[in-house]
Amino acid sequence: MAAPEKVTEAMKARQWRNPKQWCLTLAQLREVLEFCITTEVYKDLKAKKGKVTMYDINEFFVKPWSAQTGCSTAVLMRREAEADAQVM
């Protein structure tokens, strides 16, 4: 995933055009989820609630990762690579 200081203007510009390209591959999605599962935040949420939902993943991981970058997590993961989503 691109660090905030590695975000380019091209990556930011993609946020305003062609939403079909705001996508992750299944392998990238799995990578994100596998990372989340290893964190203390995830473990704490699971211990307190008994489960971790995609809402939790969004609130505790996706939003903080993308905050103040001007990019979605998908664009941060794919960086300069552009490809249309195959499944929506």
N, C-alpha and C. Protein backbone atom coordinates (compact mmCIF):
# COMPACT_ATOMS: atom_id res chain seq x y z
N MET A 1 0.85 -1.18 0.00
CA MET A 1 0.00 0.00 0.00
C MET A 1 0.90 1.24 0.00
N ALA A 2 0.52 2.20 -0.78
CA ALA A 2 1.30 3.43 -0.86
C ALA A 2 1.17 4.22 0.44
N ALA A 3 2.30 4.64 0.97
CA ALA A 3 2.30 5.52 2.13
C ALA A 3 1.82 6.90 1.70
N PRO A 4 1.25 7.68 2.62
CA PRO A 4 0.74 9.00 2.23
C PRO A 4 1.74 9.86 1.45
N GLU A 5 3.01 9.79 1.80
CA GLU A 5 4.01 10.60 1.09
C GLU A 5 4.32 10.07 -0.31
N LYS A 6 3.84 8.86 -0.64
CA LYS A 6 4.06 8.27 -1.96
C LYS A 6 2.86 8.44 -2.89
N VAL A 7 1.81 9.08 -2.42
CA VAL A 7 0.62 9.31 -3.24
C VAL A 7 0.95 10.34 -4.31
N THR A 8 0.65 9.99 -5.55
CA THR A 8 0.94 10.88 -6.67
C THR A 8 -0.32 11.63 -7.09
N GLU A 9 -0.13 12.66 -7.88
CA GLU A 9 -1.27 13.42 -8.41
C GLU A 9 -2.11 12.54 -9.32
N ALA A 10 -1.47 11.63 -10.05
CA ALA A 10 -2.21 10.72 -10.93
C ALA A 10 -3.13 9.81 -10.10
N MET A 11 -2.65 9.36 -8.97
CA MET A 11 -3.48 8.52 -8.09
C MET A 11 -4.68 9.33 -7.58
N LYS A 12 -4.43 10.55 -7.15
CA LYS A 12 -5.53 11.41 -6.67
C LYS A 12 -6.53 11.70 -7.78
N ALA A 13 -6.04 11.95 -8.98
CA ALA A 13 -6.91 12.27 -10.10
C ALA A 13 -7.84 11.10 -10.43
N ARG A 14 -7.35 9.88 -10.24
CA ARG A 14 -8.16 8.71 -10.55
C ARG A 14 -9.40 8.65 -9.67
N GLN A 15 -9.37 9.28 -8.52
CA GLN A 15 -10.52 9.31 -7.63
C GLN A 15 -11.69 10.07 -8.23
N TRP A 16 -11.42 10.91 -9.22
CA TRP A 16 -12.47 11.76 -9.80
C TRP A 16 -12.92 11.29 -11.16
N ARG A 17 -12.38 10.17 -11.62
CA ARG A 17 -12.80 9.65 -12.91
C ARG A 17 -12.85 8.13 -12.87
N ASN A 18 -13.58 7.56 -13.74
CA ASN A 18 -13.68 6.13 -13.98
C ASN A 18 -13.75 5.26 -12.72
N PRO A 19 -14.90 5.26 -12.05
CA PRO A 19 -15.04 4.46 -10.83
C PRO A 19 -14.86 2.96 -11.04
N LYS A 20 -14.96 2.49 -12.29
CA LYS A 20 -14.73 1.07 -12.55
C LYS A 20 -13.29 0.67 -12.25
N GLN A 21 -12.42 1.65 -12.11
CA GLN A 21 -11.01 1.35 -11.84
C GLN A 21 -10.65 1.51 -10.35
N TRP A 22 -11.64 1.72 -9.52
CA TRP A 22 -11.38 1.79 -8.08
C TRP A 22 -11.60 0.40 -7.51
N CYS A 23 -10.74 -0.52 -7.85
CA CYS A 23 -10.97 -1.90 -7.47
C CYS A 23 -9.69 -2.56 -6.97
N LEU A 24 -9.89 -3.62 -6.21
CA LEU A 24 -8.80 -4.49 -5.77
C LEU A 24 -8.97 -5.84 -6.44
N THR A 25 -7.88 -6.52 -6.63
CA THR A 25 -7.98 -7.91 -7.04
C THR A 25 -8.40 -8.72 -5.81
N LEU A 26 -8.88 -9.93 -6.03
CA LEU A 26 -9.22 -10.78 -4.89
C LEU A 26 -7.99 -11.04 -4.03
N ALA A 27 -6.84 -11.19 -4.65
CA ALA A 27 -5.60 -11.41 -3.89
C ALA A 27 -5.28 -10.20 -3.02
N GLN A 28 -5.50 -8.99 -3.53
CA GLN A 28 -5.24 -7.79 -2.74
C GLN A 28 -6.23 -7.68 -1.58
N LEU A 29 -7.50 -7.99 -1.84
CA LEU A 29 -8.50 -7.96 -0.77
C LEU A 29 -8.12 -8.96 0.32
N ARG A 30 -7.72 -10.13 -0.10
CA ARG A 30 -7.30 -11.13 0.88
C ARG A 30 -6.08 -10.64 1.68
N GLU A 31 -5.15 -10.00 1.02
CA GLU A 31 -3.97 -9.44 1.68
C GLU A 31 -4.37 -8.43 2.75
N VAL A 32 -5.31 -7.56 2.42
CA VAL A 32 -5.80 -6.56 3.37
C VAL A 32 -6.43 -7.25 4.58
N LEU A 33 -7.32 -8.20 4.32
CA LEU A 33 -8.02 -8.87 5.41
C LEU A 33 -7.07 -9.70 6.27
N GLU A 34 -6.12 -10.37 5.63
CA GLU A 34 -5.14 -11.15 6.40
C GLU A 34 -4.29 -10.24 7.29
N PHE A 35 -3.95 -9.05 6.78
CA PHE A 35 -3.20 -8.11 7.61
C PHE A 35 -4.05 -7.68 8.81
N CYS A 36 -5.29 -7.30 8.55
CA CYS A 36 -6.16 -6.84 9.63
C CYS A 36 -6.26 -7.86 10.75
N ILE A 37 -6.41 -9.12 10.38
CA ILE A 37 -6.57 -10.19 11.36
C ILE A 37 -5.38 -10.30 12.30
N THR A 38 -4.22 -9.88 11.85
CA THR A 38 -3.01 -10.00 12.68
C THR A 38 -2.85 -8.87 13.68
N THR A 39 -3.66 -7.84 13.59
CA THR A 39 -3.46 -6.66 14.43
C THR A 39 -4.15 -6.78 15.79
N GLU A 40 -3.64 -6.01 16.74
CA GLU A 40 -4.26 -5.95 18.07
C GLU A 40 -5.65 -5.33 18.00
N VAL A 41 -5.84 -4.36 17.12
CA VAL A 41 -7.15 -3.72 16.96
C VAL A 41 -8.20 -4.78 16.62
N TYR A 42 -7.90 -5.61 15.64
CA TYR A 42 -8.82 -6.67 15.22
C TYR A 42 -9.08 -7.63 16.39
N LYS A 43 -8.01 -8.06 17.04
CA LYS A 43 -8.15 -9.01 18.15
C LYS A 43 -8.98 -8.42 19.28
N ASP A 44 -8.79 -7.15 19.58
CA ASP A 44 -9.58 -6.48 20.62
C ASP A 44 -11.05 -6.40 20.23
N LEU A 45 -11.32 -6.02 18.99
CA LEU A 45 -12.71 -5.96 18.51
C LEU A 45 -13.38 -7.32 18.61
N LYS A 46 -12.67 -8.35 18.18
CA LYS A 46 -13.25 -9.69 18.22
C LYS A 46 -13.51 -10.14 19.65
N ALA A 47 -12.60 -9.82 20.56
CA ALA A 47 -12.78 -10.20 21.96
C ALA A 47 -13.98 -9.47 22.58
N LYS A 48 -14.15 -8.20 22.24
CA LYS A 48 -15.24 -7.40 22.82
C LYS A 48 -16.60 -7.73 22.22
N LYS A 49 -16.63 -7.93 20.89
CA LYS A 49 -17.91 -8.10 20.18
C LYS A 49 -18.22 -9.54 19.79
N GLY A 50 -17.21 -10.39 19.79
CA GLY A 50 -17.40 -11.76 19.35
C GLY A 50 -17.25 -11.93 17.86
N LYS A 51 -17.19 -10.83 17.12
CA LYS A 51 -17.03 -10.87 15.66
C LYS A 51 -16.50 -9.53 15.19
N VAL A 52 -15.98 -9.53 14.00
CA VAL A 52 -15.52 -8.29 13.35
C VAL A 52 -16.22 -8.23 12.00
N THR A 53 -16.94 -7.15 11.76
CA THR A 53 -17.70 -6.98 10.53
C THR A 53 -16.92 -6.15 9.51
N MET A 54 -17.41 -6.12 8.29
CA MET A 54 -16.80 -5.25 7.28
C MET A 54 -16.95 -3.78 7.67
N TYR A 55 -18.01 -3.45 8.40
CA TYR A 55 -18.15 -2.09 8.92
C TYR A 55 -16.97 -1.77 9.82
N ASP A 56 -16.60 -2.71 10.68
CA ASP A 56 -15.44 -2.52 11.56
C ASP A 56 -14.15 -2.37 10.76
N ILE A 57 -13.99 -3.21 9.74
CA ILE A 57 -12.80 -3.12 8.89
C ILE A 57 -12.71 -1.72 8.27
N ASN A 58 -13.85 -1.21 7.81
CA ASN A 58 -13.89 0.12 7.22
C ASN A 58 -13.53 1.19 8.26
N GLU A 59 -14.18 1.13 9.41
CA GLU A 59 -13.98 2.16 10.45
C GLU A 59 -12.57 2.16 11.05
N PHE A 60 -12.04 0.98 11.31
CA PHE A 60 -10.79 0.88 12.06
C PHE A 60 -9.55 0.69 11.19
N PHE A 61 -9.74 0.38 9.93
CA PHE A 61 -8.59 0.17 9.05
C PHE A 61 -8.65 1.03 7.79
N VAL A 62 -9.69 0.87 6.98
CA VAL A 62 -9.77 1.55 5.68
C VAL A 62 -9.76 3.07 5.84
N LYS A 63 -10.62 3.60 6.69
CA LYS A 63 -10.68 5.05 6.85
C LYS A 63 -9.36 5.62 7.38
N PRO A 64 -8.76 5.04 8.42
CA PRO A 64 -7.48 5.58 8.86
C PRO A 64 -6.37 5.48 7.80
N TRP A 65 -6.34 4.38 7.03
CA TRP A 65 -5.32 4.24 6.00
C TRP A 65 -5.45 5.30 4.92
N SER A 66 -6.69 5.62 4.55
CA SER A 66 -6.89 6.52 3.42
C SER A 66 -7.06 7.99 3.84
N ALA A 67 -7.20 8.23 5.12
CA ALA A 67 -7.41 9.60 5.61
C ALA A 67 -6.30 10.54 5.13
N GLN A 68 -6.71 11.66 4.62
CA GLN A 68 -5.84 12.74 4.19
C GLN A 68 -4.89 12.36 3.06
N THR A 69 -5.22 11.29 2.32
CA THR A 69 -4.39 10.94 1.16
C THR A 69 -5.04 11.37 -0.14
N GLY A 70 -6.38 11.56 -0.11
CA GLY A 70 -7.10 11.86 -1.33
C GLY A 70 -7.34 10.63 -2.19
N CYS A 71 -7.07 9.44 -1.62
CA CYS A 71 -7.21 8.20 -2.38
C CYS A 71 -7.94 7.14 -1.57
N SER A 72 -8.62 6.27 -2.29
CA SER A 72 -9.24 5.11 -1.66
C SER A 72 -8.17 4.07 -1.34
N THR A 73 -8.53 3.12 -0.51
CA THR A 73 -7.60 2.03 -0.23
C THR A 73 -7.27 1.26 -1.50
N ALA A 74 -8.25 1.09 -2.38
CA ALA A 74 -8.00 0.39 -3.63
C ALA A 74 -6.92 1.09 -4.45
N VAL A 75 -7.00 2.40 -4.56
CA VAL A 75 -6.00 3.15 -5.32
C VAL A 75 -4.65 3.11 -4.59
N LEU A 76 -4.67 3.18 -3.27
CA LEU A 76 -3.42 3.08 -2.51
C LEU A 76 -2.75 1.73 -2.73
N MET A 77 -3.55 0.68 -2.83
CA MET A 77 -3.00 -0.66 -3.06
C MET A 77 -2.50 -0.83 -4.48
N ARG A 78 -3.24 -0.33 -5.44
CA ARG A 78 -2.89 -0.54 -6.85
C ARG A 78 -1.90 0.50 -7.36
N ARG A 79 -1.77 1.60 -6.62
CA ARG A 79 -0.87 2.70 -6.99
C ARG A 79 -1.17 3.21 -8.39
N GLU A 80 -0.24 3.14 -9.28
CA GLU A 80 -0.42 3.68 -10.63
C GLU A 80 -1.10 2.71 -11.58
N ALA A 81 -1.26 1.46 -11.18
CA ALA A 81 -1.86 0.44 -12.06
C ALA A 81 -3.35 0.70 -12.20
N GLU A 82 -3.81 0.71 -13.43
CA GLU A 82 -5.23 0.90 -13.71
C GLU A 82 -5.78 -0.34 -14.41
N ALA A 83 -6.93 -0.79 -13.93
CA ALA A 83 -7.60 -1.92 -14.56
C ALA A 83 -9.07 -1.84 -14.20
N ASP A 84 -9.92 -2.19 -15.15
CA ASP A 84 -11.36 -2.20 -14.88
C ASP A 84 -11.72 -3.38 -13.99
N ALA A 85 -12.69 -3.16 -13.12
CA ALA A 85 -13.21 -4.24 -12.28
C ALA A 85 -13.82 -5.31 -13.16
N GLN A 86 -13.62 -6.55 -12.79
CA GLN A 86 -14.17 -7.68 -13.54
C GLN A 86 -15.52 -8.11 -12.97
N VAL A 87 -15.75 -7.86 -11.69
CA VAL A 87 -16.99 -8.23 -11.01
C VAL A 87 -17.38 -7.05 -10.14
N MET A 88 -18.67 -6.69 -10.16
CA MET A 88 -19.12 -5.60 -9.31
C MET A 88 -20.36 -6.04 -8.57
